[in-house]
Amino acid sequence: MRMHPALFMIVVWLGALSAFLVLPFQLTYRTISTDGFLVLLAFLAMFCLGGLLRTVYLPQQPVQAPTEIDFSRADLLLKSIAVVGCISMGYELVRGAGLDLASAYTARSEQAQAMLLGTMSQSSGAFKIGFLCYPASYVYLVRAVLFKSKPNWVEIFIFGVFPGVLASLAMGGRTPLFSTMAYAFLAYAARPYLWGRVKALGAAKPHRIHPLVKIVAVVLALVGFNYFINVFITRAELDGGGQEMLRHAAIRWGVTFGGPQAEWMVDLLGSTTTYLIFVFVWYFIQGIVISNSLFATYAGGPLMGVYGIEITTAIMRRLDPDGVAQNFKYLLDHDIYGFYPSAFGTLYVDYLYGGLAIALVWGWLAALVYRNTRLGQDARWFVFAPFVTLGIFFSIVNTPLGFSNGFITHVWLVLAFVLMRRPADAAVARNSSTN
């Protein structure tokens, strides 16, 4: 991790605010309140305080050689779970309409309506199994790209990439595919910080990644972005095109592109491209506006994770479907349901001001990972770094446990970390079995 989590969090939110101010975003019926902004600052301050309580800036120290770690048990777990995720999501894709983006969009809308009406989820057993299993592929992807001196790209694709691709297609969405691409990039970017500071004399140095592999990765990334664009275009076409979608956003979302700068963009780029820019950036920065509305107007009780953690929502829909429907109907009536409220808006709905304590703990844990990767005494801690980095970056969207099935992802992450063995751990285990 190049940057202290507290500093990185500030940079991310300043970047989102800058995008909101520079591009021609125009609020139609939404407002930004001073009270809501102050609550946001309190959450940001608590995260930063938690991080600084654990550690401040540390220079990078030499790192334990990754080749000294036994990954066999963790790999067996992650590969096995990823295979189950592939089979489950593949079956769901074959039986469903995942390859038809229009039908998939309709199905997703029907699921959202079912939640509001308090009816049971119609997803199959295979989908439920796949939902629990495919996030293990994120962890294997990071482990294989970051820790292997010479990555096995065939295994990485099968166990690290393919489950996320199938999950995106089966769900008709883009988040699993985007997360797969993001984790792959962050793991690759972290390689020099791990391997470049290995302290063991004679330790194996990482092989250079072949240029052909990089070209294939770029091509796959372009294909992925083309899929994202097609998802947005399909949804726009279903609602009348880019110009109509901008009007729809103004009426239904409370925000659009407006003013002379927006007109200039439409003349230069066309209405569809302008809409794509609008919706893509709005996807990342809407938490600024939506969280402000929550801080200023939310008067419901704490939902205790039902709002922000998908698996908790699924469980409570079975235990108390009417209660979930009423809570989400309240959010719909306040024009919050269906939008991304940022990590801090989510914490506020789920725990009210108790979310400030959770933000403090989150900052402390993020700084713990930063500290242990900087000290370099246990290279296993580097496996957490991409997840902490992405969690902070997407704090403008949701919490790390709420973004892209994050709770289940972190369960597999912690299990994999526990199963990784250092030489000292292996020696202790051998002595215990001998005695």
Protein backbone atom coordinates (compact mmCIF):
# COMPACT_ATOMS: atom_id res chain seq x y z
CA MET A 1 0.00 0.00 0.00
CA ARG A 2 1.65 3.20 -1.18
CA MET A 3 -0.55 5.59 0.78
CA HIS A 4 -1.79 5.61 4.36
CA PRO A 5 -5.51 4.65 4.38
CA ALA A 6 -6.53 7.95 6.01
CA LEU A 7 -4.81 9.98 3.30
CA PHE A 8 -6.14 7.73 0.55
CA MET A 9 -9.71 8.11 1.84
CA ILE A 10 -9.39 11.90 1.72
CA VAL A 11 -7.95 11.79 -1.81
CA VAL A 12 -10.80 9.54 -3.03
CA TRP A 13 -13.52 11.80 -1.68
CA LEU A 14 -11.86 14.97 -2.92
CA GLY A 15 -11.58 13.37 -6.36
CA ALA A 16 -15.27 12.46 -6.36
CA LEU A 17 -16.23 15.97 -5.26
CA SER A 18 -14.05 17.47 -7.98
CA ALA A 19 -15.75 15.33 -10.66
CA PHE A 20 -19.14 16.43 -9.37
CA LEU A 21 -18.16 20.10 -9.55
CA VAL A 22 -16.23 20.06 -12.85
CA LEU A 23 -18.72 18.12 -14.98
CA PRO A 24 -22.09 19.77 -15.69
CA PHE A 25 -24.06 17.89 -13.05
CA GLN A 26 -27.26 19.71 -12.23
CA LEU A 27 -29.55 18.82 -9.33
CA THR A 28 -33.21 19.14 -10.28
CA TYR A 29 -35.11 18.46 -7.07
CA ARG A 30 -32.40 17.19 -4.76
CA THR A 31 -30.46 19.50 -2.48
CA ILE A 32 -27.18 19.47 -0.58
CA SER A 33 -27.67 20.41 3.07
CA THR A 34 -25.06 21.78 5.44
CA ASP A 35 -26.15 19.37 8.19
CA GLY A 36 -25.74 16.38 5.91
CA PHE A 37 -22.32 17.57 4.81
CA LEU A 38 -21.20 17.94 8.43
CA VAL A 39 -22.29 14.37 9.23
CA LEU A 40 -20.30 13.14 6.22
CA LEU A 41 -17.24 14.98 7.53
CA ALA A 42 -17.77 13.29 10.91
CA PHE A 43 -17.74 9.84 9.30
CA LEU A 44 -14.63 10.68 7.28
CA ALA A 45 -12.95 12.03 10.41
CA MET A 46 -13.73 8.85 12.36
CA PHE A 47 -12.25 6.64 9.63
CA CYS A 48 -9.11 8.77 9.52
CA LEU A 49 -8.87 8.84 13.32
CA GLY A 50 -9.11 5.05 13.46
CA GLY A 51 -6.31 4.72 10.94
CA LEU A 52 -4.05 7.21 12.68
CA LEU A 53 -4.66 5.59 16.06
CA ARG A 54 -3.15 2.38 14.69
CA THR A 55 -0.20 3.85 12.84
CA VAL A 56 1.02 6.87 10.94
CA TYR A 57 3.35 6.91 7.94
CA LEU A 58 5.84 4.04 7.77
CA PRO A 59 8.61 3.54 5.19
CA GLN A 60 8.55 0.22 3.37
CA GLN A 61 10.82 -2.33 5.00
CA PRO A 62 12.32 -5.47 3.40
CA VAL A 63 9.69 -8.17 2.96
CA GLN A 64 9.68 -11.86 3.81
CA ALA A 65 10.11 -13.92 0.63
CA PRO A 66 6.68 -15.05 -0.68
CA THR A 67 8.27 -18.35 -1.73
CA GLU A 68 8.66 -19.23 1.95
CA ILE A 69 4.88 -19.34 2.43
CA ASP A 70 2.91 -22.56 1.95
CA PHE A 71 -0.21 -21.68 -0.04
CA SER A 72 -1.32 -25.26 -0.75
CA ARG A 73 -4.22 -25.39 1.72
CA ALA A 74 -5.51 -21.94 0.78
CA ASP A 75 -5.26 -22.74 -2.93
CA LEU A 76 -7.16 -25.99 -2.51
CA LEU A 77 -9.98 -24.21 -0.73
CA LEU A 78 -10.19 -21.30 -3.17
CA LYS A 79 -9.96 -23.45 -6.31
CA SER A 80 -12.60 -25.87 -5.05
CA ILE A 81 -15.03 -23.09 -4.16
CA ALA A 82 -14.35 -21.28 -7.44
CA VAL A 83 -15.18 -24.44 -9.41
CA VAL A 84 -18.47 -24.78 -7.57
CA GLY A 85 -19.15 -21.12 -8.37
CA CYS A 86 -18.41 -21.72 -12.05
CA ILE A 87 -20.72 -24.72 -12.27
CA SER A 88 -23.54 -22.98 -10.40
CA MET A 89 -23.37 -19.71 -12.31
CA GLY A 90 -22.87 -21.56 -15.60
CA TYR A 91 -26.02 -23.57 -14.96
CA GLU A 92 -27.90 -20.38 -14.04
CA LEU A 93 -26.66 -18.73 -17.24
CA VAL A 94 -27.85 -21.65 -19.40
CA ARG A 95 -31.31 -21.79 -17.78
CA GLY A 96 -31.77 -18.04 -17.57
CA ALA A 97 -31.51 -15.06 -19.89
CA GLY A 98 -28.11 -13.76 -18.90
CA LEU A 99 -26.87 -13.43 -22.48
CA ASP A 100 -29.90 -11.28 -23.36
CA LEU A 101 -29.10 -7.94 -21.71
CA ALA A 102 -32.64 -6.62 -22.19
CA SER A 103 -34.21 -9.66 -20.54
CA ALA A 104 -31.60 -9.59 -17.78
CA TYR A 105 -32.39 -5.93 -17.09
CA THR A 106 -36.10 -6.78 -16.85
CA ALA A 107 -35.35 -9.66 -14.49
CA ARG A 108 -33.27 -7.41 -12.23
CA SER A 109 -36.10 -4.86 -12.12
CA GLU A 110 -38.55 -7.59 -11.18
CA GLN A 111 -36.27 -8.71 -8.34
CA ALA A 112 -36.15 -5.16 -7.01
CA GLN A 113 -39.94 -4.95 -7.14
CA ALA A 114 -40.24 -8.30 -5.36
CA MET A 115 -38.17 -6.96 -2.48
CA LEU A 116 -40.45 -3.94 -2.15
CA LEU A 117 -43.56 -6.13 -2.20
CA GLY A 118 -42.21 -8.53 0.42
CA THR A 119 -42.36 -11.56 -1.87
CA MET A 120 -39.79 -14.32 -1.81
CA SER A 121 -36.83 -14.32 -4.13
CA GLN A 122 -37.36 -16.41 -7.27
CA SER A 123 -33.66 -17.17 -7.75
CA SER A 124 -32.76 -20.82 -8.14
CA GLY A 125 -30.80 -22.98 -5.74
CA ALA A 126 -27.92 -22.99 -8.22
CA PHE A 127 -27.82 -19.21 -8.18
CA LYS A 128 -27.77 -19.13 -4.38
CA ILE A 129 -24.84 -21.55 -4.31
CA GLY A 130 -23.02 -19.58 -6.98
CA PHE A 131 -23.66 -16.34 -5.12
CA LEU A 132 -21.85 -17.76 -2.09
CA CYS A 133 -19.00 -19.32 -4.07
CA TYR A 134 -17.96 -17.04 -6.93
CA PRO A 135 -16.34 -14.36 -4.64
CA ALA A 136 -13.64 -16.92 -3.75
CA SER A 137 -12.33 -16.31 -7.27
CA TYR A 138 -11.41 -12.73 -6.32
CA VAL A 139 -9.20 -14.02 -3.52
CA TYR A 140 -7.54 -16.66 -5.69
CA LEU A 141 -6.97 -14.07 -8.41
CA VAL A 142 -5.12 -11.76 -6.02
CA ARG A 143 -3.17 -14.62 -4.46
CA ALA A 144 -2.08 -16.05 -7.83
CA VAL A 145 -1.17 -12.76 -9.53
CA LEU A 146 0.55 -11.21 -6.53
CA PHE A 147 2.36 -14.08 -4.82
CA LYS A 148 3.41 -16.39 -7.65
CA SER A 149 6.87 -15.72 -9.03
CA LYS A 150 5.69 -17.01 -12.41
CA PRO A 151 1.90 -16.79 -12.57
CA ASN A 152 0.06 -19.68 -14.20
CA TRP A 153 -2.27 -17.75 -16.47
CA VAL A 154 -4.40 -20.74 -17.40
CA GLU A 155 -5.18 -21.43 -13.73
CA ILE A 156 -5.70 -17.72 -13.10
CA PHE A 157 -8.29 -17.55 -15.86
CA ILE A 158 -10.10 -20.74 -14.80
CA PHE A 159 -10.19 -20.13 -11.06
CA GLY A 160 -9.74 -16.35 -10.82
CA VAL A 161 -11.45 -14.78 -13.84
CA PHE A 162 -14.02 -17.19 -15.24
CA PRO A 163 -16.28 -17.31 -12.13
CA GLY A 164 -16.64 -13.52 -12.12
CA VAL A 165 -17.41 -13.47 -15.85
CA LEU A 166 -20.10 -16.12 -15.43
CA ALA A 167 -21.54 -14.30 -12.41
CA SER A 168 -21.83 -11.06 -14.37
CA LEU A 169 -23.52 -12.79 -17.30
CA ALA A 170 -25.85 -14.83 -15.07
CA MET A 171 -26.93 -11.75 -13.12
CA GLY A 172 -27.07 -9.47 -16.15
CA GLY A 173 -24.95 -6.94 -14.30
CA ARG A 174 -21.44 -5.60 -14.45
CA THR A 175 -20.13 -5.47 -10.88
CA PRO A 176 -18.57 -8.98 -10.66
CA LEU A 177 -16.74 -8.48 -13.95
CA PHE A 178 -15.61 -5.01 -12.96
CA SER A 179 -14.41 -6.30 -9.59
CA THR A 180 -12.47 -9.10 -11.29
CA MET A 181 -10.71 -6.56 -13.50
CA ALA A 182 -10.04 -4.24 -10.56
CA TYR A 183 -8.56 -6.95 -8.33
CA ALA A 184 -6.37 -8.23 -11.17
CA PHE A 185 -5.03 -4.72 -11.78
CA LEU A 186 -4.39 -4.01 -8.09
CA ALA A 187 -2.65 -7.36 -7.57
CA TYR A 188 -0.45 -6.76 -10.61
CA ALA A 189 0.33 -3.22 -9.44
CA ALA A 190 1.33 -4.55 -6.00
CA ARG A 191 3.88 -7.06 -7.35
CA PRO A 192 6.80 -4.59 -7.40
CA TYR A 193 6.10 -3.56 -3.79
CA LEU A 194 6.19 -7.18 -2.67
CA TRP A 195 8.85 -8.78 -4.85
CA GLY A 196 11.03 -5.72 -5.21
CA ARG A 197 11.77 -5.65 -1.48
CA VAL A 198 12.29 -9.35 -0.70
CA LYS A 199 14.89 -9.54 2.06
CA ALA A 200 15.99 -13.20 1.91
CA LEU A 201 19.36 -13.62 0.19
CA GLY A 202 19.07 -15.82 -2.86
CA ALA A 203 15.29 -15.64 -2.85
CA ALA A 204 13.59 -16.28 -6.17
CA LYS A 205 12.91 -13.16 -8.14
CA PRO A 206 9.63 -12.77 -9.99
CA HIS A 207 9.56 -13.57 -13.68
CA ARG A 208 8.72 -10.72 -15.98
CA ILE A 209 5.20 -10.99 -17.30
CA HIS A 210 5.37 -11.76 -21.01
CA PRO A 211 4.27 -8.88 -23.27
CA LEU A 212 1.77 -11.20 -24.98
CA VAL A 213 0.06 -11.78 -21.63
CA LYS A 214 -0.21 -8.03 -21.14
CA ILE A 215 -1.71 -7.62 -24.61
CA VAL A 216 -4.27 -10.34 -23.90
CA ALA A 217 -5.11 -8.67 -20.58
CA VAL A 218 -5.67 -5.32 -22.32
CA VAL A 219 -7.88 -6.97 -24.95
CA LEU A 220 -9.94 -8.70 -22.27
CA ALA A 221 -10.24 -5.41 -20.38
CA LEU A 222 -11.51 -3.72 -23.54
CA VAL A 223 -14.02 -6.53 -24.05
CA GLY A 224 -15.13 -6.05 -20.46
CA PHE A 225 -15.58 -2.31 -20.88
CA ASN A 226 -17.49 -2.96 -24.09
CA TYR A 227 -19.83 -5.18 -22.06
CA PHE A 228 -20.30 -2.37 -19.50
CA ILE A 229 -21.10 0.08 -22.28
CA ASN A 230 -23.55 -2.33 -23.90
CA VAL A 231 -25.35 -2.75 -20.56
CA PHE A 232 -25.80 1.03 -20.32
CA ILE A 233 -26.75 1.39 -24.00
CA THR A 234 -29.29 -1.43 -23.79
CA ARG A 235 -30.94 0.18 -20.79
CA ALA A 236 -30.93 3.57 -22.51
CA GLU A 237 -32.50 2.12 -25.68
CA LEU A 238 -35.22 0.46 -23.64
CA ASP A 239 -36.11 3.89 -22.24
CA GLY A 240 -35.93 5.90 -25.47
CA GLY A 241 -32.23 6.72 -26.05
CA GLY A 242 -29.57 8.92 -24.48
CA GLN A 243 -31.44 12.24 -24.60
CA GLU A 244 -34.56 10.67 -23.15
CA MET A 245 -32.49 9.01 -20.42
CA LEU A 246 -31.02 12.37 -19.42
CA ARG A 247 -34.56 13.71 -19.11
CA HIS A 248 -35.56 10.57 -17.23
CA ALA A 249 -32.63 11.08 -14.84
CA ALA A 250 -33.68 14.68 -14.22
CA ILE A 251 -37.23 13.61 -13.36
CA ARG A 252 -36.64 10.30 -11.57
CA TRP A 253 -33.11 10.61 -10.18
CA GLY A 254 -33.06 14.32 -9.35
CA VAL A 255 -29.86 14.93 -11.30
CA THR A 256 -28.83 15.34 -14.92
CA PHE A 257 -26.34 17.10 -17.15
CA GLY A 258 -27.55 20.66 -17.67
CA GLY A 259 -26.48 24.11 -18.78
CA PRO A 260 -24.32 25.36 -21.67
CA GLN A 261 -21.53 22.86 -20.98
CA ALA A 262 -23.99 19.94 -21.25
CA GLU A 263 -25.38 21.33 -24.51
CA TRP A 264 -21.86 21.64 -25.87
CA MET A 265 -21.15 18.01 -24.94
CA VAL A 266 -24.30 16.82 -26.73
CA ASP A 267 -23.42 18.80 -29.86
CA LEU A 268 -19.86 17.51 -29.86
CA LEU A 269 -20.27 13.93 -28.66
CA GLY A 270 -23.91 13.12 -29.31
CA SER A 271 -26.64 12.39 -26.79
CA THR A 272 -25.77 8.71 -26.29
CA THR A 273 -22.08 9.32 -25.55
CA THR A 274 -22.97 12.24 -23.28
CA TYR A 275 -25.39 10.00 -21.40
CA LEU A 276 -22.74 7.30 -21.07
CA ILE A 277 -20.33 9.82 -19.53
CA PHE A 278 -23.06 11.08 -17.23
CA VAL A 279 -24.20 7.66 -16.00
CA PHE A 280 -20.67 6.25 -15.67
CA VAL A 281 -19.44 9.15 -13.53
CA TRP A 282 -22.72 9.37 -11.62
CA TYR A 283 -22.30 5.68 -10.74
CA PHE A 284 -19.13 6.57 -8.85
CA ILE A 285 -20.05 9.88 -7.27
CA GLN A 286 -23.76 9.61 -6.47
CA GLY A 287 -22.84 8.74 -2.89
CA ILE A 288 -22.03 12.41 -2.31
CA VAL A 289 -25.63 13.42 -3.04
CA ILE A 290 -27.48 10.35 -1.76
CA SER A 291 -25.63 10.15 1.55
CA ASN A 292 -26.36 13.82 2.11
CA SER A 293 -30.08 13.10 1.72
CA LEU A 294 -29.83 10.22 4.17
CA PHE A 295 -27.95 12.22 6.78
CA ALA A 296 -30.46 15.05 6.52
CA THR A 297 -33.78 13.19 6.24
CA TYR A 298 -33.53 9.54 7.35
CA ALA A 299 -35.71 9.02 10.42
CA GLY A 300 -36.13 5.24 10.38
CA GLY A 301 -34.62 2.74 12.78
CA PRO A 302 -31.28 1.02 12.32
CA LEU A 303 -31.53 -1.86 9.84
CA MET A 304 -28.54 -3.71 11.34
CA GLY A 305 -26.93 -4.72 8.07
CA VAL A 306 -30.10 -5.42 6.09
CA TYR A 307 -29.49 -2.35 3.93
CA GLY A 308 -25.79 -2.69 3.32
CA ILE A 309 -24.92 -6.40 3.36
CA GLU A 310 -26.48 -8.54 0.63
CA ILE A 311 -26.36 -11.84 2.48
CA THR A 312 -28.05 -10.25 5.51
CA THR A 313 -30.77 -8.89 3.23
CA ALA A 314 -31.30 -12.34 1.73
CA ILE A 315 -31.56 -14.00 5.15
CA MET A 316 -33.97 -11.40 6.51
CA ARG A 317 -36.16 -11.68 3.40
CA ARG A 318 -36.80 -15.26 4.46
CA LEU A 319 -37.27 -14.50 8.15
CA ASP A 320 -39.23 -11.24 7.88
CA PRO A 321 -40.09 -10.38 4.26
CA ASP A 322 -42.74 -7.83 5.24
CA GLY A 323 -40.32 -6.02 7.54
CA VAL A 324 -37.69 -5.81 4.81
CA ALA A 325 -40.31 -4.58 2.35
CA GLN A 326 -41.50 -1.85 4.73
CA ASN A 327 -37.99 -0.63 5.44
CA PHE A 328 -37.09 -0.52 1.76
CA LYS A 329 -40.44 1.08 0.92
CA TYR A 330 -39.53 3.84 3.37
CA LEU A 331 -36.27 4.38 1.47
CA LEU A 332 -38.18 4.36 -1.83
CA ASP A 333 -40.60 7.00 -0.54
CA HIS A 334 -37.60 9.17 0.35
CA ASP A 335 -36.10 8.57 -3.11
CA ILE A 336 -33.11 6.63 -1.78
CA TYR A 337 -33.87 3.03 -2.76
CA GLY A 338 -31.98 1.95 -5.88
CA PHE A 339 -29.15 4.45 -5.46
CA TYR A 340 -25.68 3.98 -4.04
CA PRO A 341 -25.48 5.88 -0.73
CA SER A 342 -21.69 5.61 -0.17
CA ALA A 343 -20.14 3.58 2.63
CA PHE A 344 -21.01 6.18 5.22
CA GLY A 345 -24.63 6.60 4.13
CA THR A 346 -24.99 2.83 4.33
CA LEU A 347 -23.50 2.73 7.82
CA TYR A 348 -25.89 5.49 8.89
CA VAL A 349 -28.99 3.60 7.71
CA ASP A 350 -27.81 0.32 9.22
CA TYR A 351 -26.48 1.63 12.55
CA LEU A 352 -27.39 5.35 12.76
CA TYR A 353 -24.67 7.20 14.68
CA GLY A 354 -23.31 3.86 15.83
CA GLY A 355 -21.90 3.74 12.30
CA LEU A 356 -19.30 6.28 13.44
CA ALA A 357 -17.78 3.60 15.68
CA ILE A 358 -17.75 1.14 12.78
CA ALA A 359 -16.02 3.73 10.59
CA LEU A 360 -13.40 4.10 13.35
CA VAL A 361 -12.83 0.32 13.43
CA TRP A 362 -12.70 0.17 9.63
CA GLY A 363 -9.99 2.83 9.59
CA TRP A 364 -8.08 0.97 12.32
CA LEU A 365 -8.20 -2.33 10.42
CA ALA A 366 -7.17 -0.67 7.16
CA ALA A 367 -4.18 0.88 8.92
CA LEU A 368 -3.37 -2.52 10.45
CA VAL A 369 -2.97 -3.96 6.95
CA TYR A 370 -0.95 -0.91 5.91
CA ARG A 371 1.35 -1.33 8.92
CA ASN A 372 1.94 -5.04 8.43
CA THR A 373 2.64 -4.72 4.72
CA ARG A 374 5.05 -1.87 5.42
CA LEU A 375 6.90 -3.79 8.13
CA GLY A 376 7.34 -6.73 5.76
CA GLN A 377 7.73 -9.34 8.50
CA ASP A 378 4.82 -11.45 7.24
CA ALA A 379 4.22 -11.34 3.49
CA ARG A 380 0.78 -12.93 3.88
CA TRP A 381 -0.62 -9.51 4.83
CA PHE A 382 -0.13 -8.35 1.25
CA VAL A 383 -3.14 -10.45 0.23
CA PHE A 384 -5.36 -7.96 2.08
CA ALA A 385 -3.89 -4.88 0.38
CA PRO A 386 -5.92 -4.93 -2.89
CA PHE A 387 -9.14 -5.50 -0.95
CA VAL A 388 -8.42 -2.64 1.46
CA THR A 389 -7.48 -0.36 -1.45
CA LEU A 390 -10.61 -1.18 -3.44
CA GLY A 391 -12.76 -0.89 -0.32
CA ILE A 392 -11.53 2.65 0.29
CA PHE A 393 -11.86 3.62 -3.37
CA PHE A 394 -15.44 2.38 -3.51
CA SER A 395 -16.35 3.99 -0.21
CA ILE A 396 -18.03 6.53 -2.49
CA VAL A 397 -20.39 3.69 -3.51
CA ASN A 398 -20.80 1.30 -0.56
CA THR A 399 -18.97 -0.35 2.31
CA PRO A 400 -16.33 -3.03 1.62
CA LEU A 401 -18.79 -5.59 2.99
CA GLY A 402 -21.60 -4.32 0.78
CA PHE A 403 -19.89 -3.73 -2.55
CA SER A 404 -19.87 -6.66 -4.98
CA ASN A 405 -20.91 -9.32 -2.46
CA GLY A 406 -18.19 -8.00 -0.19
CA PHE A 407 -19.16 -9.81 3.01
CA ILE A 408 -18.78 -13.25 1.41
CA THR A 409 -15.60 -12.11 -0.36
CA HIS A 410 -14.02 -11.13 2.95
CA VAL A 411 -15.07 -14.42 4.54
CA TRP A 412 -13.09 -16.31 1.87
CA LEU A 413 -10.25 -13.81 2.22
CA VAL A 414 -9.86 -14.32 5.96
CA LEU A 415 -10.13 -18.11 5.61
CA ALA A 416 -7.46 -18.11 2.92
CA PHE A 417 -5.17 -15.94 5.07
CA VAL A 418 -5.56 -18.33 8.01
CA LEU A 419 -4.75 -21.32 5.80
CA MET A 420 -1.55 -19.75 4.46
CA ARG A 421 1.44 -21.03 6.42
CA ARG A 422 4.78 -19.40 7.11
CA PRO A 423 7.80 -21.66 7.84
CA ALA A 424 7.50 -20.87 11.56
CA ASP A 425 3.82 -21.82 11.53
CA ALA A 426 4.57 -25.11 9.80
CA ALA A 427 7.32 -25.91 12.35
CA VAL A 428 4.94 -25.22 15.25
CA ALA A 429 2.33 -27.48 13.66
CA ARG A 430 4.87 -30.29 13.20
CA ASN A 431 6.04 -30.00 16.81
CA SER A 432 2.47 -30.06 18.07
CA SER A 433 1.66 -33.19 16.08
CA THR A 434 4.89 -34.86 17.30
CA ASN A 435 4.16 -34.08 20.91
